[in-house]
Amino acid sequence: MAQEELSYDELLRRAGSKYSLAVAVAKRARQIHDDAEVLIDSDSKKPVTVALEEFARGRLGYRVTMPDGETETWPRHPQSRSEEDTGS
């Protein structure tokens, strides 16, 4: 399957922060290394690359529990380009 190319900036925008991206991908790469089912078709055999591809394709996310007990799920659904351009 053709690999989706995403820039580092786009991955960070989807993840919220570079630290969250690193932790989510590292945890998923460990799962893949430990023989978890891969969620995408990938040409790569490297767990970190596969985990990044899963994140880029929207198959991997994470949940953050805030101090007040509420949770946030990432990645958040990105706005359409027209909404971003108009600032809506």
C-alpha atoms as a PDB file:
ATOM      1  CA  MET A   1       0.000   0.000   0.000  1.00  0.00           C
ATOM      2  CA  ALA A   2       1.255   3.474  -0.791  1.00  0.00           C
ATOM      3  CA  GLN A   3       2.600   5.295   2.230  1.00  0.00           C
ATOM      4  CA  GLU A   4       0.869   8.549   3.170  1.00  0.00           C
ATOM      5  CA  GLU A   5       3.408  11.331   3.447  1.00  0.00           C
ATOM      6  CA  LEU A   6       2.815  13.703   6.345  1.00  0.00           C
ATOM      7  CA  SER A   7       5.084  16.474   7.449  1.00  0.00           C
ATOM      8  CA  TYR A   8       6.440  16.619  10.975  1.00  0.00           C
ATOM      9  CA  ASP A   9       4.370  19.768  11.541  1.00  0.00           C
ATOM     10  CA  GLU A  10       1.168  17.965  10.507  1.00  0.00           C
ATOM     11  CA  LEU A  11       1.936  15.042  12.843  1.00  0.00           C
ATOM     12  CA  LEU A  12       2.525  17.503  15.703  1.00  0.00           C
ATOM     13  CA  ARG A  13      -0.707  19.333  14.939  1.00  0.00           C
ATOM     14  CA  ARG A  14      -2.617  16.057  15.111  1.00  0.00           C
ATOM     15  CA  ALA A  15      -0.828  14.916  18.288  1.00  0.00           C
ATOM     16  CA  GLY A  16      -0.991  18.134  20.275  1.00  0.00           C
ATOM     17  CA  SER A  17       2.669  18.021  21.330  1.00  0.00           C
ATOM     18  CA  LYS A  18       5.903  16.314  20.362  1.00  0.00           C
ATOM     19  CA  TYR A  19       6.022  14.596  23.749  1.00  0.00           C
ATOM     20  CA  SER A  20       2.550  13.104  23.370  1.00  0.00           C
ATOM     21  CA  LEU A  21       3.395  11.944  19.854  1.00  0.00           C
ATOM     22  CA  ALA A  22       6.627  10.325  21.053  1.00  0.00           C
ATOM     23  CA  VAL A  23       4.946   8.530  23.962  1.00  0.00           C
ATOM     24  CA  ALA A  24       1.969   7.295  21.926  1.00  0.00           C
ATOM     25  CA  VAL A  25       4.149   6.032  19.070  1.00  0.00           C
ATOM     26  CA  ALA A  26       6.691   4.449  21.437  1.00  0.00           C
ATOM     27  CA  LYS A  27       3.994   2.579  23.357  1.00  0.00           C
ATOM     28  CA  ARG A  28       2.397   1.369  20.124  1.00  0.00           C
ATOM     29  CA  ALA A  29       5.794   0.350  18.693  1.00  0.00           C
ATOM     30  CA  ARG A  30       6.394  -1.759  21.817  1.00  0.00           C
ATOM     31  CA  GLN A  31       3.017  -3.446  21.320  1.00  0.00           C
ATOM     32  CA  ILE A  32       3.870  -4.175  17.680  1.00  0.00           C
ATOM     33  CA  HIS A  33       7.281  -5.508  18.702  1.00  0.00           C
ATOM     34  CA  ASP A  34       5.510  -7.792  21.183  1.00  0.00           C
ATOM     35  CA  ASP A  35       3.398  -9.225  18.316  1.00  0.00           C
ATOM     36  CA  ALA A  36       0.261  -7.073  18.554  1.00  0.00           C
ATOM     37  CA  GLU A  37      -1.859  -6.964  15.415  1.00  0.00           C
ATOM     38  CA  VAL A  38      -0.738  -4.284  12.943  1.00  0.00           C
ATOM     39  CA  LEU A  39      -3.667  -2.017  12.018  1.00  0.00           C
ATOM     40  CA  ILE A  40      -2.487  -1.023   8.520  1.00  0.00           C
ATOM     41  CA  ASP A  41      -0.756  -2.446   5.480  1.00  0.00           C
ATOM     42  CA  SER A  42       2.837  -1.234   5.629  1.00  0.00           C
ATOM     43  CA  ASP A  43       5.937  -1.936   3.599  1.00  0.00           C
ATOM     44  CA  SER A  44       8.056  -1.401   6.707  1.00  0.00           C
ATOM     45  CA  LYS A  45       8.988  -4.080   9.216  1.00  0.00           C
ATOM     46  CA  LYS A  46      10.233  -1.525  11.777  1.00  0.00           C
ATOM     47  CA  PRO A  47       7.778  -1.136  14.686  1.00  0.00           C
ATOM     48  CA  VAL A  48       8.351   2.618  15.137  1.00  0.00           C
ATOM     49  CA  THR A  49       7.773   3.302  11.441  1.00  0.00           C
ATOM     50  CA  VAL A  50       4.613   1.195  11.441  1.00  0.00           C
ATOM     51  CA  ALA A  51       3.346   2.985  14.576  1.00  0.00           C
ATOM     52  CA  LEU A  52       4.003   6.393  12.982  1.00  0.00           C
ATOM     53  CA  GLU A  53       2.164   5.282   9.855  1.00  0.00           C
ATOM     54  CA  GLU A  54      -0.765   4.097  11.978  1.00  0.00           C
ATOM     55  CA  PHE A  55      -0.884   7.505  13.677  1.00  0.00           C
ATOM     56  CA  ALA A  56      -0.606   9.352  10.356  1.00  0.00           C
ATOM     57  CA  ARG A  57      -3.496   7.329   8.907  1.00  0.00           C
ATOM     58  CA  GLY A  58      -5.708   7.950  11.911  1.00  0.00           C
ATOM     59  CA  ARG A  59      -5.610   4.382  13.245  1.00  0.00           C
ATOM     60  CA  LEU A  60      -3.718   5.310  16.420  1.00  0.00           C
ATOM     61  CA  GLY A  61      -4.634   7.846  19.050  1.00  0.00           C
ATOM     62  CA  TYR A  62      -4.373   8.322  22.784  1.00  0.00           C
ATOM     63  CA  ARG A  63      -6.394   9.511  25.741  1.00  0.00           C
ATOM     64  CA  VAL A  64      -5.225  12.038  28.334  1.00  0.00           C
ATOM     65  CA  THR A  65      -6.719  12.194  31.833  1.00  0.00           C
ATOM     66  CA  MET A  66      -6.687  15.742  33.114  1.00  0.00           C
ATOM     67  CA  PRO A  67      -6.136  16.625  36.819  1.00  0.00           C
ATOM     68  CA  ASP A  68      -9.872  17.286  37.214  1.00  0.00           C
ATOM     69  CA  GLY A  69     -10.630  13.723  36.049  1.00  0.00           C
ATOM     70  CA  GLU A  70     -11.921  14.643  32.591  1.00  0.00           C
ATOM     71  CA  THR A  71     -10.389  12.917  29.577  1.00  0.00           C
ATOM     72  CA  GLU A  72      -9.364  14.249  26.183  1.00  0.00           C
ATOM     73  CA  THR A  73      -8.909  12.031  23.154  1.00  0.00           C
ATOM     74  CA  TRP A  74      -6.263  12.762  20.522  1.00  0.00           C
ATOM     75  CA  PRO A  75      -5.934  13.221  17.670  1.00  0.00           C
ATOM     76  CA  ARG A  76      -8.870  15.516  17.545  1.00  0.00           C
ATOM     77  CA  HIS A  77     -10.725  15.546  14.283  1.00  0.00           C
ATOM     78  CA  PRO A  78      -8.963  18.111  12.102  1.00  0.00           C
ATOM     79  CA  GLN A  79     -11.026  20.938  10.690  1.00  0.00           C
ATOM     80  CA  SER A  80     -11.644  20.990   6.978  1.00  0.00           C
ATOM     81  CA  ARG A  81      -9.363  23.266   4.964  1.00  0.00           C
ATOM     82  CA  SER A  82     -12.193  25.736   4.321  1.00  0.00           C
ATOM     83  CA  GLU A  83     -12.797  26.124   8.080  1.00  0.00           C
ATOM     84  CA  GLU A  84      -9.073  26.644   8.717  1.00  0.00           C
ATOM     85  CA  ASP A  85      -8.813  29.251   5.965  1.00  0.00           C
ATOM     86  CA  THR A  86     -11.762  31.279   7.264  1.00  0.00           C
ATOM     87  CA  GLY A  87     -10.876  30.870  10.922  1.00  0.00           C
ATOM     88  CA  SER A  88     -14.318  29.386  11.712  1.00  0.00           C
END
